[in-house]
Amino acid sequence: MSGRTLGPGRYGLADLRTGDVIETGQCAVTPALIDAFAAMTGDRFEIHMDRDAALRHRFRDRVAHGLLVLSLVDGLKNQAPAQFAALASLGWDWSFAAPVLAGDSIAATITVTGLRATSDGKRAVATLDFEVTNQRGETVQRGVNRLMIYA
């Protein structure tokens, strides 16, 4: 594994090596984002919507939806200065390690752990490991995304 941190630019198969890393920027997880996600999805479970309910469940504040955080992480990936020459996401294998609370900030480290060219040689599948941390450096989510990229 090379461990290169990729700088600004677009990276396809020919430009990538196993071990390459992209660091995303940060995103604040605000109560307004939690409210908007709840309105869009209909997921109004009480720990997301009410601070007192979250406190009753032993959380310090409202808890962001796990899928909201994953969606924000995908957005952070797509806003990073270093970009994959992507065609389509092929799937996610994801886990929620710790709660993300209203007022937290998140960022992700993305590591290329696999590269496989397609049979036509024009595209490839990149396997990307994500570690998502909060403003205290605690891992809150982690997982793998398989991304179709151009060669």
Protein backbone atom coordinates (compact mmCIF):
# COMPACT_ATOMS: atom_id res chain seq x y z
CA MET A 1 0.00 0.00 0.00
CA SER A 2 1.46 3.33 -1.08
CA GLY A 3 -0.23 5.67 1.37
CA ARG A 4 -0.16 8.68 -0.96
CA THR A 5 -2.49 11.51 0.02
CA LEU A 6 -4.03 12.62 -3.26
CA GLY A 7 -3.97 16.29 -4.15
CA PRO A 8 -6.54 18.22 -6.17
CA GLY A 9 -7.56 16.61 -9.45
CA ARG A 10 -9.60 13.82 -11.02
CA TYR A 11 -8.35 10.28 -10.61
CA GLY A 12 -9.21 7.29 -12.78
CA LEU A 13 -7.79 3.78 -12.74
CA ALA A 14 -4.53 4.77 -14.45
CA ASP A 15 -3.87 7.39 -11.75
CA LEU A 16 -4.72 5.36 -8.64
CA ARG A 17 -2.86 2.87 -6.49
CA THR A 18 -4.01 0.72 -3.63
CA GLY A 19 -3.36 2.68 -0.43
CA ASP A 20 -4.08 6.12 -1.90
CA VAL A 21 -5.93 8.39 0.52
CA ILE A 22 -8.36 11.27 0.16
CA GLU A 23 -9.12 13.50 3.15
CA THR A 24 -12.47 15.28 2.92
CA GLY A 25 -13.42 18.61 4.36
CA GLN A 26 -15.72 18.90 7.36
CA CYS A 27 -19.48 19.22 7.57
CA ALA A 28 -21.49 20.55 10.51
CA VAL A 29 -24.47 18.38 11.44
CA THR A 30 -27.03 20.97 12.47
CA PRO A 31 -30.50 20.58 13.94
CA ALA A 32 -31.82 22.07 10.68
CA LEU A 33 -30.19 19.24 8.67
CA ILE A 34 -31.70 16.66 11.01
CA ASP A 35 -35.13 18.29 10.67
CA ALA A 36 -34.87 18.44 6.87
CA PHE A 37 -33.84 14.78 6.65
CA ALA A 38 -36.74 13.78 8.91
CA ALA A 39 -39.16 15.80 6.76
CA MET A 40 -37.81 14.22 3.56
CA THR A 41 -37.77 10.62 4.79
CA GLY A 42 -40.57 10.54 7.35
CA ASP A 43 -38.17 9.14 9.97
CA ARG A 44 -39.25 11.09 13.03
CA PHE A 45 -38.00 8.71 15.70
CA GLU A 46 -37.94 10.68 18.95
CA ILE A 47 -34.15 10.69 19.52
CA HIS A 48 -33.80 12.56 16.22
CA MET A 49 -36.54 15.09 16.85
CA ASP A 50 -36.55 15.92 20.55
CA ARG A 51 -33.62 16.74 22.81
CA ASP A 52 -35.49 15.70 25.96
CA ALA A 53 -36.28 12.31 24.40
CA ALA A 54 -32.63 11.90 23.40
CA LEU A 55 -31.61 12.71 27.00
CA ARG A 56 -34.06 10.07 28.28
CA HIS A 57 -32.26 7.56 26.05
CA ARG A 58 -28.92 8.71 27.53
CA PHE A 59 -27.70 10.76 24.58
CA ARG A 60 -26.30 14.25 25.26
CA ASP A 61 -28.34 15.82 22.45
CA ARG A 62 -30.49 14.98 19.45
CA VAL A 63 -29.02 12.13 17.40
CA ALA A 64 -28.54 12.54 13.65
CA HIS A 65 -30.00 9.77 11.49
CA GLY A 66 -27.29 7.30 10.55
CA LEU A 67 -28.33 7.51 6.91
CA LEU A 68 -28.18 11.30 7.04
CA VAL A 69 -24.56 11.05 8.12
CA LEU A 70 -23.80 8.52 5.36
CA SER A 71 -25.42 10.87 2.82
CA LEU A 72 -23.33 13.78 4.11
CA VAL A 73 -20.20 11.63 3.84
CA ASP A 74 -20.96 10.85 0.19
CA GLY A 75 -21.39 14.59 -0.37
CA LEU A 76 -18.05 15.28 1.34
CA LYS A 77 -16.43 12.73 -1.00
CA ASN A 78 -17.93 14.49 -4.01
CA GLN A 79 -16.81 17.94 -2.80
CA ALA A 80 -13.21 16.99 -1.95
CA PRO A 81 -10.48 18.61 -4.06
CA ALA A 82 -9.30 15.11 -5.05
CA GLN A 83 -12.07 13.44 -7.06
CA PHE A 84 -12.58 9.97 -8.45
CA ALA A 85 -13.45 9.85 -12.16
CA ALA A 86 -16.68 8.20 -11.10
CA LEU A 87 -19.48 6.71 -13.13
CA ALA A 88 -21.74 5.15 -10.47
CA SER A 89 -21.79 3.83 -6.95
CA LEU A 90 -22.20 0.05 -6.86
CA GLY A 91 -23.02 -0.29 -3.18
CA TRP A 92 -22.18 0.40 0.41
CA ASP A 93 -21.32 -1.84 3.36
CA TRP A 94 -21.63 0.48 6.33
CA SER A 95 -21.74 0.54 10.12
CA PHE A 96 -22.61 3.14 12.71
CA ALA A 97 -19.89 3.07 15.39
CA ALA A 98 -21.04 5.95 17.61
CA PRO A 99 -23.83 8.54 17.57
CA VAL A 100 -23.46 11.81 15.71
CA LEU A 101 -25.18 14.52 17.71
CA ALA A 102 -26.67 17.84 16.70
CA GLY A 103 -23.80 20.31 16.64
CA ASP A 104 -21.12 17.74 15.79
CA SER A 105 -18.88 18.09 12.73
CA ILE A 106 -17.84 15.13 10.61
CA ALA A 107 -15.03 14.45 8.15
CA ALA A 108 -13.90 11.31 6.33
CA THR A 109 -10.68 9.61 5.38
CA ILE A 110 -11.09 7.53 2.22
CA THR A 111 -8.53 4.84 1.41
CA VAL A 112 -8.38 2.96 -1.88
CA THR A 113 -8.19 -0.71 -0.88
CA GLY A 114 -8.88 -2.34 -4.21
CA LEU A 115 -8.80 -1.65 -7.94
CA ARG A 116 -10.14 -4.01 -10.59
CA ALA A 117 -10.44 -3.22 -14.30
CA THR A 118 -13.60 -4.31 -16.09
CA SER A 119 -13.35 -6.75 -18.98
CA ASP A 120 -13.56 -3.97 -21.58
CA GLY A 121 -10.70 -2.05 -19.92
CA LYS A 122 -12.61 1.23 -20.13
CA ARG A 123 -13.82 1.20 -16.54
CA ALA A 124 -12.84 -0.19 -13.17
CA VAL A 125 -14.26 -0.88 -9.75
CA ALA A 126 -12.54 0.96 -6.92
CA THR A 127 -13.05 -0.37 -3.42
CA LEU A 128 -12.96 2.53 -0.96
CA ASP A 129 -12.68 2.23 2.82
CA PHE A 130 -14.16 5.14 4.77
CA GLU A 131 -13.45 6.20 8.32
CA VAL A 132 -15.74 8.98 9.50
CA THR A 133 -14.71 10.98 12.55
CA ASN A 134 -16.26 13.76 14.59
CA GLN A 135 -14.60 16.98 15.74
CA ARG A 136 -12.95 15.10 18.63
CA GLY A 137 -11.34 12.56 16.28
CA GLU A 138 -13.68 9.76 17.41
CA THR A 139 -14.76 7.26 14.76
CA VAL A 140 -18.53 7.55 14.33
CA GLN A 141 -19.09 5.58 11.13
CA ARG A 142 -17.03 3.34 8.87
CA GLY A 143 -17.55 1.24 5.83
CA VAL A 144 -16.81 0.34 2.26
CA ASN A 145 -18.07 1.80 -0.99
CA ARG A 146 -17.62 0.10 -4.35
CA LEU A 147 -17.38 2.80 -7.00
CA MET A 148 -17.37 2.36 -10.79
CA ILE A 149 -14.70 4.68 -12.20
CA TYR A 150 -13.28 5.38 -15.63
CA ALA A 151 -9.94 3.93 -16.58
